[in-house]
Structure formats: structure tokens, C-alpha cells
Amino acid sequence: MLLILLFNAIFVILIVAANLSKDKSEAKSWLRFFAGLIGLIFLILCVSAIKANIDRGAMEAEWSERYSAIYSQAIYEMYDSDSAKKELADQIMEWNIDYETYWEKKENIWISCFYPIRIENYRSISIELLGTTERSVG
């Protein structure tokens, strides 16, 4: 949200500076050019934030379904072989990485408006739910 406000403030400052300058020189045209460029970036940021919030329901449903599927498989031991267990362990690791990455972006005050999912409804999944798995991380 602050990112959008920052671009809005720069846009207003450039517009005011371009209109208050007394000369008709090239500097005034450059100020107008940069004001237009900042205004375009501001518009793109606003549209992106609005789109992210419109898609919020679908994104929350996707996260909810993914979390429920992985968690249920781990809790109820819905795997029949070591390869299925390894695949589930990989899914858990991928979920945890995605969860932590999204959480970090959601907590960042500059870009949080682009990440509207209520991540508090989910948590990371412990790999210990699978028992002992032999896999190398990294």
C-alpha cells in the first residue's frame, strides 16, 4: 500500500513542480514526461492491486484445497509405498516454502496489498507427520 502512496506522492510533486515552474524550457517538458511516466506506473500498480483483491476468493479456495489435501494425506497416512511417502514429503516441503514466502510478502508493508489472502487460516505442515523419511534437503 505504501508503494502506491509513494508513487502517488511523486506524481503529485512532479505535476505541481511542472506547473509552478516559470520558464518554458526543456526542464519543464522533462518534468511533465516524468510525471506522466510515474502516473502510468501508479495506474499499473493500482490495477494490479485491484486484480489481486478480485482474485482473492479463487486464491483462498486454491490454498484451502491444497492445504487440506496435503494435511489429510499426512495425518491419515494415505500413502501406500515409499515413493508415495517421498512424494508427499516433497509436497509438504513445497507447501512450507510457499507458505513462508507468502507470509514474508504479506508482512512487508510496501507490497502487502498485492497479497490479499488471509494466510492466518493456514500454518506450515510438520514433516514429522510422516514419521521417518529418508531424504536429503537442498
Protein backbone atom coordinates (compact mmCIF):
# COMPACT_ATOMS: atom_id res chain seq x y z
CA MET A 1 0.00 0.00 0.00
CA LEU A 2 2.85 2.35 0.78
CA LEU A 3 4.34 1.68 -2.63
CA ILE A 4 1.18 3.00 -4.30
CA LEU A 5 1.10 6.03 -1.99
CA LEU A 6 4.76 6.74 -2.71
CA PHE A 7 4.17 6.77 -6.47
CA ASN A 8 1.09 8.92 -5.97
CA ALA A 9 3.09 11.46 -3.93
CA ILE A 10 5.89 11.59 -6.52
CA PHE A 11 3.30 12.05 -9.27
CA VAL A 12 1.66 14.99 -7.47
CA ILE A 13 5.03 16.60 -6.69
CA LEU A 14 6.13 16.37 -10.33
CA ILE A 15 2.83 17.78 -11.60
CA VAL A 16 2.99 20.70 -9.15
CA ALA A 17 6.67 21.35 -9.99
CA ALA A 18 5.94 21.32 -13.72
CA ASN A 19 3.03 23.73 -13.36
CA LEU A 20 4.79 26.11 -10.98
CA SER A 21 7.98 26.47 -12.98
CA LYS A 22 8.07 29.89 -14.65
CA ASP A 23 10.18 29.03 -17.65
CA LYS A 24 9.05 27.24 -20.78
CA SER A 25 12.31 25.41 -21.08
CA GLU A 26 13.17 21.81 -21.71
CA ALA A 27 13.25 21.16 -17.95
CA LYS A 28 9.51 21.73 -17.73
CA SER A 29 8.85 19.24 -20.52
CA TRP A 30 11.08 16.69 -18.78
CA LEU A 31 9.14 17.20 -15.53
CA ARG A 32 5.90 16.56 -17.41
CA PHE A 33 7.38 13.47 -19.07
CA PHE A 34 8.46 12.00 -15.72
CA ALA A 35 5.11 12.93 -14.18
CA GLY A 36 3.37 11.04 -16.96
CA LEU A 37 5.69 8.06 -16.52
CA ILE A 38 5.14 7.97 -12.75
CA GLY A 39 1.40 8.37 -13.33
CA LEU A 40 1.44 5.37 -15.68
CA ILE A 41 3.34 3.26 -13.14
CA PHE A 42 0.88 4.39 -10.45
CA LEU A 43 -2.04 3.32 -12.66
CA ILE A 44 -0.47 -0.11 -13.31
CA LEU A 45 0.14 -0.63 -9.57
CA CYS A 46 -3.48 0.29 -8.76
CA VAL A 47 -4.84 -2.09 -11.41
CA SER A 48 -2.57 -4.88 -10.12
CA ALA A 49 -3.73 -4.36 -6.53
CA ILE A 50 -7.38 -4.33 -7.59
CA LYS A 51 -6.90 -7.52 -9.65
CA ALA A 52 -5.20 -9.26 -6.74
CA ASN A 53 -8.12 -8.43 -4.48
CA ILE A 54 -10.69 -9.51 -7.09
CA ASP A 55 -8.95 -12.89 -7.46
CA ARG A 56 -8.83 -13.28 -3.67
CA GLY A 57 -11.70 -15.79 -3.42
CA ALA A 58 -10.23 -18.13 -6.01
CA MET A 59 -6.78 -17.90 -4.46
CA GLU A 60 -8.12 -18.63 -0.98
CA ALA A 61 -10.05 -21.64 -2.30
CA GLU A 62 -6.91 -22.94 -4.01
CA TRP A 63 -4.81 -22.54 -0.86
CA SER A 64 -7.51 -24.13 1.29
CA GLU A 65 -7.87 -27.13 -1.01
CA ARG A 66 -4.13 -27.61 -1.27
CA TYR A 67 -3.62 -27.36 2.50
CA SER A 68 -6.48 -29.76 3.26
CA ALA A 69 -5.28 -32.33 0.74
CA ILE A 70 -1.69 -32.37 1.96
CA TYR A 71 -2.60 -32.27 5.65
CA SER A 72 -5.20 -35.05 5.32
CA GLN A 73 -2.78 -37.29 3.44
CA ALA A 74 -0.15 -36.77 6.12
CA ILE A 75 -2.48 -37.23 9.11
CA TYR A 76 -4.34 -40.28 7.81
CA GLU A 77 -1.24 -41.84 6.26
CA MET A 78 -2.78 -42.00 2.78
CA TYR A 79 0.31 -43.35 1.07
CA ASP A 80 0.99 -46.94 0.16
CA SER A 81 4.67 -47.04 -0.73
CA ASP A 82 7.94 -45.32 -0.02
CA SER A 83 7.77 -43.43 -3.30
CA ALA A 84 4.30 -42.08 -2.41
CA LYS A 85 5.63 -41.13 1.02
CA LYS A 86 8.57 -39.31 -0.58
CA GLU A 87 6.20 -37.52 -2.97
CA LEU A 88 4.05 -36.40 -0.04
CA ALA A 89 7.17 -35.23 1.81
CA ASP A 90 8.10 -33.18 -1.27
CA GLN A 91 4.59 -31.67 -1.35
CA ILE A 92 4.88 -30.77 2.34
CA MET A 93 8.26 -29.12 1.77
CA GLU A 94 6.87 -27.20 -1.21
CA TRP A 95 3.84 -26.10 0.84
CA ASN A 96 6.06 -24.91 3.68
CA ILE A 97 8.29 -22.93 1.31
CA ASP A 98 5.28 -21.33 -0.41
CA TYR A 99 3.68 -20.58 2.96
CA GLU A 100 6.79 -18.92 4.38
CA THR A 101 7.40 -16.93 1.17
CA TYR A 102 3.80 -15.70 1.06
CA TRP A 103 3.91 -14.84 4.77
CA GLU A 104 7.05 -12.74 4.29
CA LYS A 105 5.45 -10.86 1.38
CA LYS A 106 2.21 -10.42 3.30
CA GLU A 107 4.08 -8.90 6.25
CA ASN A 108 6.02 -6.48 4.02
CA ILE A 109 4.23 -3.15 4.42
CA TRP A 110 5.34 -1.93 0.98
CA ILE A 111 3.78 -4.73 -1.08
CA SER A 112 1.16 -6.32 1.19
CA CYS A 113 -1.78 -5.02 -0.88
CA PHE A 114 -0.73 -7.39 -3.68
CA TYR A 115 -1.10 -10.43 -1.37
CA PRO A 116 -4.69 -10.37 -0.04
CA ILE A 117 -5.14 -13.96 1.18
CA ARG A 118 -5.75 -14.32 4.91
CA ILE A 119 -2.77 -16.58 5.48
CA GLU A 120 -3.57 -16.77 9.21
CA ASN A 121 -6.06 -19.55 8.37
CA TYR A 122 -3.19 -21.88 7.47
CA ARG A 123 0.07 -23.00 9.00
CA SER A 124 3.16 -24.87 7.98
CA ILE A 125 2.88 -28.65 7.96
CA SER A 126 5.36 -30.62 10.02
CA ILE A 127 7.35 -33.24 8.13
CA GLU A 128 7.27 -35.34 11.32
CA LEU A 129 3.66 -36.26 10.49
CA LEU A 130 5.12 -38.74 8.01
CA GLY A 131 7.31 -40.46 10.54
CA THR A 132 10.86 -41.07 9.46
CA THR A 133 11.62 -40.25 5.86
CA GLU A 134 14.99 -40.68 4.29
CA ARG A 135 15.53 -37.72 2.03
CA SER A 136 18.16 -35.09 1.57
CA VAL A 137 17.17 -31.46 1.72
CA GLY A 138 18.89 -28.99 -0.51
